[in-house]
Amino acid sequence: SGGGLVQPGGSLRLSCVTSGLIFSGNVIGWYRQ
């Protein structure tokens, strides 16, 4: 969540809420397309 329309030079904060079975040694990343 957290996406939207913003002017150049502006800021946004994206959030990623995880649920389910999460093991140690995991890596979380943000990608874009």
PDB file of all heavy atoms in Angstrom:
ATOM      1  N   SER A   1       0.851  -1.179   0.000  1.00  0.00           N
ATOM      2  CA  SER A   1       0.000   0.000   0.000  1.00  0.00           C
ATOM      3  C   SER A   1       0.888   1.230   0.000  1.00  0.00           C
ATOM      4  O   SER A   1       2.107   1.133   0.202  1.00  0.00           O
ATOM      5  CB  SER A   1      -0.935   0.016   1.207  1.00  0.00           C
ATOM      6  OG  SER A   1      -0.190   0.072   2.407  1.00  0.00           O
ATOM      7  N   GLY A   2       0.266   2.396  -0.225  1.00  0.00           N
ATOM      8  CA  GLY A   2       1.006   3.651  -0.129  1.00  0.00           C
ATOM      9  C   GLY A   2       1.332   4.318  -1.448  1.00  0.00           C
ATOM     10  O   GLY A   2       1.876   5.424  -1.462  1.00  0.00           O
ATOM     11  N   GLY A   3       1.010   3.660  -2.558  1.00  0.00           N
ATOM     12  CA  GLY A   3       1.281   4.279  -3.845  1.00  0.00           C
ATOM     13  C   GLY A   3       0.341   5.446  -4.117  1.00  0.00           C
ATOM     14  O   GLY A   3      -0.599   5.695  -3.364  1.00  0.00           O
ATOM     15  N   GLY A   4       0.616   6.160  -5.202  1.00  0.00           N
ATOM     16  CA  GLY A   4      -0.234   7.278  -5.566  1.00  0.00           C
ATOM     17  C   GLY A   4       0.436   8.195  -6.560  1.00  0.00           C
ATOM     18  O   GLY A   4       1.467   7.852  -7.143  1.00  0.00           O
ATOM     19  N   LEU A   5      -0.176   9.349  -6.734  1.00  0.00           N
ATOM     20  CA  LEU A   5       0.347  10.371  -7.650  1.00  0.00           C
ATOM     21  C   LEU A   5       1.077  11.436  -6.835  1.00  0.00           C
ATOM     22  O   LEU A   5       0.529  11.956  -5.839  1.00  0.00           O
ATOM     23  CB  LEU A   5      -0.809  11.002  -8.423  1.00  0.00           C
ATOM     24  CG  LEU A   5      -0.471  12.206  -9.307  1.00  0.00           C
ATOM     25  CD1 LEU A   5       0.492  11.800 -10.417  1.00  0.00           C
ATOM     26  CD2 LEU A   5      -1.743  12.811  -9.871  1.00  0.00           C
ATOM     27  N   VAL A   6       2.287  11.763  -7.240  1.00  0.00           N
ATOM     28  CA  VAL A   6       3.082  12.756  -6.520  1.00  0.00           C
ATOM     29  C   VAL A   6       3.850  13.598  -7.532  1.00  0.00           C
ATOM     30  O   VAL A   6       4.202  13.119  -8.620  1.00  0.00           O
ATOM     31  CB  VAL A   6       4.037  12.067  -5.519  1.00  0.00           C
ATOM     32  CG1 VAL A   6       5.050  11.199  -6.242  1.00  0.00           C
ATOM     33  CG2 VAL A   6       4.728  13.077  -4.622  1.00  0.00           C
ATOM     34  N   GLN A   7       4.106  14.840  -7.195  1.00  0.00           N
ATOM     35  CA  GLN A   7       4.858  15.722  -8.085  1.00  0.00           C
ATOM     36  C   GLN A   7       6.350  15.418  -7.995  1.00  0.00           C
ATOM     37  O   GLN A   7       6.826  14.918  -6.964  1.00  0.00           O
ATOM     38  CB  GLN A   7       4.602  17.179  -7.712  1.00  0.00           C
ATOM     39  CG  GLN A   7       3.186  17.641  -7.988  1.00  0.00           C
ATOM     40  CD  GLN A   7       3.023  19.136  -7.761  1.00  0.00           C
ATOM     41  OE1 GLN A   7       3.843  19.778  -7.117  1.00  0.00           O
ATOM     42  NE2 GLN A   7       1.946  19.690  -8.300  1.00  0.00           N
ATOM     43  N   PRO A   8       7.094  15.736  -9.036  1.00  0.00           N
ATOM     44  CA  PRO A   8       8.550  15.566  -8.975  1.00  0.00           C
ATOM     45  C   PRO A   8       9.129  16.298  -7.766  1.00  0.00           C
ATOM     46  O   PRO A   8       8.721  17.423  -7.454  1.00  0.00           O
ATOM     47  CB  PRO A   8       9.032  16.187 -10.287  1.00  0.00           C
ATOM     48  CG  PRO A   8       7.878  16.007 -11.225  1.00  0.00           C
ATOM     49  CD  PRO A   8       6.643  16.197 -10.375  1.00  0.00           C
ATOM     50  N   GLY A   9      10.049  15.636  -7.083  1.00  0.00           N
ATOM     51  CA  GLY A   9      10.641  16.185  -5.872  1.00  0.00           C
ATOM     52  C   GLY A   9       9.900  15.809  -4.606  1.00  0.00           C
ATOM     53  O   GLY A   9      10.393  16.059  -3.499  1.00  0.00           O
ATOM     54  N   GLY A  10       8.734  15.206  -4.756  1.00  0.00           N
ATOM     55  CA  GLY A  10       7.939  14.823  -3.608  1.00  0.00           C
ATOM     56  C   GLY A  10       8.360  13.504  -2.994  1.00  0.00           C
ATOM     57  O   GLY A  10       9.355  12.895  -3.413  1.00  0.00           O
ATOM     58  N   SER A  11       7.583  13.072  -2.000  1.00  0.00           N
ATOM     59  CA  SER A  11       7.904  11.855  -1.255  1.00  0.00           C
ATOM     60  C   SER A  11       6.677  10.965  -1.130  1.00  0.00           C
ATOM     61  O   SER A  11       5.537  11.443  -1.140  1.00  0.00           O
ATOM     62  CB  SER A  11       8.404  12.196   0.154  1.00  0.00           C
ATOM     63  OG  SER A  11       9.595  12.954   0.106  1.00  0.00           O
ATOM     64  N   LEU A  12       6.933   9.678  -1.004  1.00  0.00           N
ATOM     65  CA  LEU A  12       5.910   8.679  -0.699  1.00  0.00           C
ATOM     66  C   LEU A  12       6.541   7.618   0.178  1.00  0.00           C
ATOM     67  O   LEU A  12       7.752   7.376   0.105  1.00  0.00           O
ATOM     68  CB  LEU A  12       5.373   8.009  -1.969  1.00  0.00           C
ATOM     69  CG  LEU A  12       4.353   8.732  -2.830  1.00  0.00           C
ATOM     70  CD1 LEU A  12       4.072   7.909  -4.090  1.00  0.00           C
ATOM     71  CD2 LEU A  12       3.071   8.998  -2.075  1.00  0.00           C
ATOM     72  N   ARG A  13       5.715   6.964   0.992  1.00  0.00           N
ATOM     73  CA  ARG A  13       6.184   5.813   1.753  1.00  0.00           C
ATOM     74  C   ARG A  13       5.304   4.614   1.421  1.00  0.00           C
ATOM     75  O   ARG A  13       4.092   4.651   1.659  1.00  0.00           O
ATOM     76  CB  ARG A  13       6.160   6.066   3.260  1.00  0.00           C
ATOM     77  CG  ARG A  13       6.833   4.930   4.037  1.00  0.00           C
ATOM     78  CD  ARG A  13       6.904   5.176   5.531  1.00  0.00           C
ATOM     79  NE  ARG A  13       5.636   4.930   6.194  1.00  0.00           N
ATOM     80  CZ  ARG A  13       5.510   4.708   7.492  1.00  0.00           C
ATOM     81  NH1 ARG A  13       6.583   4.701   8.264  1.00  0.00           N
ATOM     82  NH2 ARG A  13       4.321   4.512   8.032  1.00  0.00           N
ATOM     83  N   LEU A  14       5.923   3.587   0.895  1.00  0.00           N
ATOM     84  CA  LEU A  14       5.228   2.344   0.602  1.00  0.00           C
ATOM     85  C   LEU A  14       5.341   1.396   1.792  1.00  0.00           C
ATOM     86  O   LEU A  14       6.364   1.382   2.480  1.00  0.00           O
ATOM     87  CB  LEU A  14       5.812   1.675  -0.640  1.00  0.00           C
ATOM     88  CG  LEU A  14       5.888   2.513  -1.912  1.00  0.00           C
ATOM     89  CD1 LEU A  14       6.418   1.670  -3.071  1.00  0.00           C
ATOM     90  CD2 LEU A  14       4.554   3.121  -2.250  1.00  0.00           C
ATOM     91  N   SER A  15       4.292   0.611   1.991  1.00  0.00           N
ATOM     92  CA  SER A  15       4.289  -0.385   3.053  1.00  0.00           C
ATOM     93  C   SER A  15       4.009  -1.766   2.469  1.00  0.00           C
ATOM     94  O   SER A  15       3.227  -1.894   1.520  1.00  0.00           O
ATOM     95  CB  SER A  15       3.208  -0.065   4.097  1.00  0.00           C
ATOM     96  OG  SER A  15       3.433   1.187   4.701  1.00  0.00           O
ATOM     97  N   CYS A  16       4.613  -2.778   3.057  1.00  0.00           N
ATOM     98  CA  CYS A  16       4.376  -4.165   2.663  1.00  0.00           C
ATOM     99  C   CYS A  16       4.141  -4.956   3.946  1.00  0.00           C
ATOM    100  O   CYS A  16       5.078  -5.150   4.738  1.00  0.00           O
ATOM    101  CB  CYS A  16       5.563  -4.725   1.898  1.00  0.00           C
ATOM    102  SG  CYS A  16       5.480  -6.503   1.568  1.00  0.00           S
ATOM    103  N   VAL A  17       2.904  -5.378   4.147  1.00  0.00           N
ATOM    104  CA  VAL A  17       2.563  -6.163   5.330  1.00  0.00           C
ATOM    105  C   VAL A  17       2.658  -7.644   4.985  1.00  0.00           C
ATOM    106  O   VAL A  17       2.052  -8.104   4.007  1.00  0.00           O
ATOM    107  CB  VAL A  17       1.154  -5.824   5.828  1.00  0.00           C
ATOM    108  CG1 VAL A  17       0.812  -6.672   7.047  1.00  0.00           C
ATOM    109  CG2 VAL A  17       1.047  -4.344   6.175  1.00  0.00           C
ATOM    110  N   THR A  18       3.404  -8.383   5.786  1.00  0.00           N
ATOM    111  CA  THR A  18       3.584  -9.813   5.551  1.00  0.00           C
ATOM    112  C   THR A  18       2.754 -10.617   6.534  1.00  0.00           C
ATOM    113  O   THR A  18       2.552 -10.210   7.678  1.00  0.00           O
ATOM    114  CB  THR A  18       5.059 -10.215   5.690  1.00  0.00           C
ATOM    115  OG1 THR A  18       5.475 -10.011   7.046  1.00  0.00           O
ATOM    116  CG2 THR A  18       5.942  -9.380   4.788  1.00  0.00           C
ATOM    117  N   SER A  19       2.277 -11.761   6.086  1.00  0.00           N
ATOM    118  CA  SER A  19       1.547 -12.671   6.962  1.00  0.00           C
ATOM    119  C   SER A  19       1.850 -14.097   6.537  1.00  0.00           C
ATOM    120  O   SER A  19       2.318 -14.343   5.428  1.00  0.00           O
ATOM    121  CB  SER A  19       0.038 -12.402   6.910  1.00  0.00           C
ATOM    122  OG  SER A  19      -0.453 -12.607   5.602  1.00  0.00           O
ATOM    123  N   GLY A  20       1.573 -15.029   7.442  1.00  0.00           N
ATOM    124  CA  GLY A  20       1.864 -16.425   7.160  1.00  0.00           C
ATOM    125  C   GLY A  20       3.152 -16.851   7.829  1.00  0.00           C
ATOM    126  O   GLY A  20       3.682 -16.163   8.693  1.00  0.00           O
ATOM    127  N   LEU A  21       3.675 -17.965   7.394  1.00  0.00           N
ATOM    128  CA  LEU A  21       4.850 -18.552   8.021  1.00  0.00           C
ATOM    129  C   LEU A  21       6.115 -17.932   7.439  1.00  0.00           C
ATOM    130  O   LEU A  21       6.441 -18.155   6.276  1.00  0.00           O
ATOM    131  CB  LEU A  21       4.837 -20.067   7.811  1.00  0.00           C
ATOM    132  CG  LEU A  21       5.716 -20.888   8.740  1.00  0.00           C
ATOM    133  CD1 LEU A  21       5.377 -20.603  10.197  1.00  0.00           C
ATOM    134  CD2 LEU A  21       5.559 -22.364   8.425  1.00  0.00           C
ATOM    135  N   ILE A  22       6.803 -17.156   8.259  1.00  0.00           N
ATOM    136  CA  ILE A  22       8.026 -16.485   7.843  1.00  0.00           C
ATOM    137  C   ILE A  22       9.202 -17.131   8.562  1.00  0.00           C
ATOM    138  O   ILE A  22       9.225 -17.182   9.793  1.00  0.00           O
ATOM    139  CB  ILE A  22       7.993 -14.982   8.154  1.00  0.00           C
ATOM    140  CG1 ILE A  22       6.722 -14.339   7.604  1.00  0.00           C
ATOM    141  CG2 ILE A  22       9.239 -14.305   7.599  1.00  0.00           C
ATOM    142  CD1 ILE A  22       6.593 -14.397   6.095  1.00  0.00           C
ATOM    143  N   PHE A  23      10.185 -17.615   7.795  1.00  0.00           N
ATOM    144  CA  PHE A  23      11.325 -18.311   8.368  1.00  0.00           C
ATOM    145  C   PHE A  23      12.512 -17.371   8.536  1.00  0.00           C
ATOM    146  O   PHE A  23      12.593 -16.322   7.899  1.00  0.00           O
ATOM    147  CB  PHE A  23      11.736 -19.471   7.465  1.00  0.00           C
ATOM    148  CG  PHE A  23      10.707 -20.557   7.372  1.00  0.00           C
ATOM    149  CD1 PHE A  23       9.865 -20.652   6.281  1.00  0.00           C
ATOM    150  CD2 PHE A  23      10.582 -21.496   8.383  1.00  0.00           C
ATOM    151  CE1 PHE A  23       8.913 -21.653   6.187  1.00  0.00           C
ATOM    152  CE2 PHE A  23       9.634 -22.501   8.309  1.00  0.00           C
ATOM    153  CZ  PHE A  23       8.796 -22.576   7.211  1.00  0.00           C
ATOM    154  N   SER A  24      13.437 -17.778   9.364  1.00  0.00           N
ATOM    155  CA  SER A  24      14.662 -17.002   9.525  1.00  0.00           C
ATOM    156  C   SER A  24      15.477 -17.078   8.247  1.00  0.00           C
ATOM    157  O   SER A  24      15.322 -18.002   7.453  1.00  0.00           O
ATOM    158  CB  SER A  24      15.477 -17.532  10.713  1.00  0.00           C
ATOM    159  OG  SER A  24      15.837 -18.878  10.471  1.00  0.00           O
ATOM    160  N   GLY A  25      16.330 -16.079   8.054  1.00  0.00           N
ATOM    161  CA  GLY A  25      17.146 -16.042   6.855  1.00  0.00           C
ATOM    162  C   GLY A  25      16.441 -15.466   5.646  1.00  0.00           C
ATOM    163  O   GLY A  25      16.954 -15.516   4.540  1.00  0.00           O
ATOM    164  N   ASN A  26      15.247 -14.913   5.850  1.00  0.00           N
ATOM    165  CA  ASN A  26      14.517 -14.381   4.701  1.00  0.00           C
ATOM    166  C   ASN A  26      15.085 -13.042   4.251  1.00  0.00           C
ATOM    167  O   ASN A  26      15.764 -12.337   5.002  1.00  0.00           O
ATOM    168  CB  ASN A  26      13.036 -14.229   5.046  1.00  0.00           C
ATOM    169  CG  ASN A  26      12.790 -13.212   6.143  1.00  0.00           C
ATOM    170  OD1 ASN A  26      12.802 -12.012   5.904  1.00  0.00           O
ATOM    171  ND2 ASN A  26      12.576 -13.688   7.355  1.00  0.00           N
ATOM    172  N   VAL A  27      14.782 -12.707   3.015  1.00  0.00           N
ATOM    173  CA  VAL A  27      15.142 -11.414   2.430  1.00  0.00           C
ATOM    174  C   VAL A  27      13.880 -10.831   1.816  1.00  0.00           C
ATOM    175  O   VAL A  27      13.169 -11.522   1.070  1.00  0.00           O
ATOM    176  CB  VAL A  27      16.223 -11.543   1.349  1.00  0.00           C
ATOM    177  CG1 VAL A  27      16.536 -10.175   0.736  1.00  0.00           C
ATOM    178  CG2 VAL A  27      17.491 -12.166   1.921  1.00  0.00           C
ATOM    179  N   ILE A  28      13.594  -9.583   2.140  1.00  0.00           N
ATOM    180  CA  ILE A  28      12.447  -8.889   1.554  1.00  0.00           C
ATOM    181  C   ILE A  28      12.962  -7.759   0.682  1.00  0.00           C
ATOM    182  O   ILE A  28      13.885  -7.029   1.072  1.00  0.00           O
ATOM    183  CB  ILE A  28      11.500  -8.365   2.636  1.00  0.00           C
ATOM    184  CG1 ILE A  28      10.866  -9.554   3.375  1.00  0.00           C
ATOM    185  CG2 ILE A  28      10.407  -7.505   2.003  1.00  0.00           C
ATOM    186  CD1 ILE A  28       9.855  -9.159   4.415  1.00  0.00           C
ATOM    187  N   GLY A  29      12.347  -7.629  -0.473  1.00  0.00           N
ATOM    188  CA  GLY A  29      12.789  -6.607  -1.402  1.00  0.00           C
ATOM    189  C   GLY A  29      11.631  -5.863  -2.040  1.00  0.00           C
ATOM    190  O   GLY A  29      10.489  -6.331  -2.031  1.00  0.00           O
ATOM    191  N   TRP A  30      11.942  -4.704  -2.539  1.00  0.00           N
ATOM    192  CA  TRP A  30      11.022  -3.925  -3.373  1.00  0.00           C
ATOM    193  C   TRP A  30      11.563  -3.953  -4.799  1.00  0.00           C
ATOM    194  O   TRP A  30      12.763  -3.715  -5.026  1.00  0.00           O
ATOM    195  CB  TRP A  30      10.909  -2.485  -2.889  1.00  0.00           C
ATOM    196  CG  TRP A  30      10.091  -2.324  -1.663  1.00  0.00           C
ATOM    197  CD1 TRP A  30      10.538  -2.237  -0.375  1.00  0.00           C
ATOM    198  CD2 TRP A  30       8.666  -2.215  -1.590  1.00  0.00           C
ATOM    199  NE1 TRP A  30       9.490  -2.086   0.490  1.00  0.00           N
ATOM    200  CE2 TRP A  30       8.323  -2.059  -0.224  1.00  0.00           C
ATOM    201  CE3 TRP A  30       7.643  -2.231  -2.534  1.00  0.00           C
ATOM    202  CZ2 TRP A  30       7.000  -1.937   0.198  1.00  0.00           C
ATOM    203  CZ3 TRP A  30       6.331  -2.095  -2.109  1.00  0.00           C
ATOM    204  CH2 TRP A  30       6.018  -1.945  -0.763  1.00  0.00           C
ATOM    205  N   TYR A  31      10.669  -4.255  -5.734  1.00  0.00           N
ATOM    206  CA  TYR A  31      10.989  -4.237  -7.156  1.00  0.00           C
ATOM    207  C   TYR A  31       9.999  -3.296  -7.836  1.00  0.00           C
ATOM    208  O   TYR A  31       8.951  -2.977  -7.265  1.00  0.00           O
ATOM    209  CB  TYR A  31      10.846  -5.651  -7.753  1.00  0.00           C
ATOM    210  CG  TYR A  31      11.888  -6.619  -7.277  1.00  0.00           C
ATOM    211  CD1 TYR A  31      11.851  -7.138  -5.984  1.00  0.00           C
ATOM    212  CD2 TYR A  31      12.912  -7.031  -8.115  1.00  0.00           C
ATOM    213  CE1 TYR A  31      12.808  -8.036  -5.541  1.00  0.00           C
ATOM    214  CE2 TYR A  31      13.880  -7.934  -7.683  1.00  0.00           C
ATOM    215  CZ  TYR A  31      13.808  -8.430  -6.398  1.00  0.00           C
ATOM    216  OH  TYR A  31      14.767  -9.317  -5.969  1.00  0.00           O
ATOM    217  N   ARG A  32      10.325  -2.884  -9.037  1.00  0.00           N
ATOM    218  CA  ARG A  32       9.390  -2.038  -9.776  1.00  0.00           C
ATOM    219  C   ARG A  32       9.408  -2.408 -11.257  1.00  0.00           C
ATOM    220  O   ARG A  32      10.406  -2.909 -11.774  1.00  0.00           O
ATOM    221  CB  ARG A  32       9.711  -0.554  -9.591  1.00  0.00           C
ATOM    222  CG  ARG A  32      11.033  -0.114 -10.196  1.00  0.00           C
ATOM    223  CD  ARG A  32      11.314   1.342  -9.811  1.00  0.00           C
ATOM    224  NE  ARG A  32      12.581   1.830 -10.388  1.00  0.00           N
ATOM    225  CZ  ARG A  32      13.116   3.009 -10.099  1.00  0.00           C
ATOM    226  NH1 ARG A  32      12.511   3.838  -9.244  1.00  0.00           N
ATOM    227  NH2 ARG A  32      14.252   3.368 -10.672  1.00  0.00           N
ATOM    228  N   GLN A  33       8.273  -2.125 -11.883  1.00  0.00           N
ATOM    229  CA  GLN A  33       8.155  -2.397 -13.311  1.00  0.00           C
ATOM    230  C   GLN A  33       7.430  -1.241 -13.980  1.00  0.00           C
ATOM    231  O   GLN A  33       6.263  -0.983 -13.678  1.00  0.00           O
ATOM    232  CB  GLN A  33       7.415  -3.705 -13.569  1.00  0.00           C
ATOM    233  CG  GLN A  33       7.414  -4.130 -15.016  1.00  0.00           C
ATOM    234  CD  GLN A  33       6.995  -5.566 -15.204  1.00  0.00           C
ATOM    235  OE1 GLN A  33       6.375  -6.175 -14.328  1.00  0.00           O
ATOM    236  NE2 GLN A  33       7.348  -6.144 -16.343  1.00  0.00           N
TER     237      GLN A  33
END
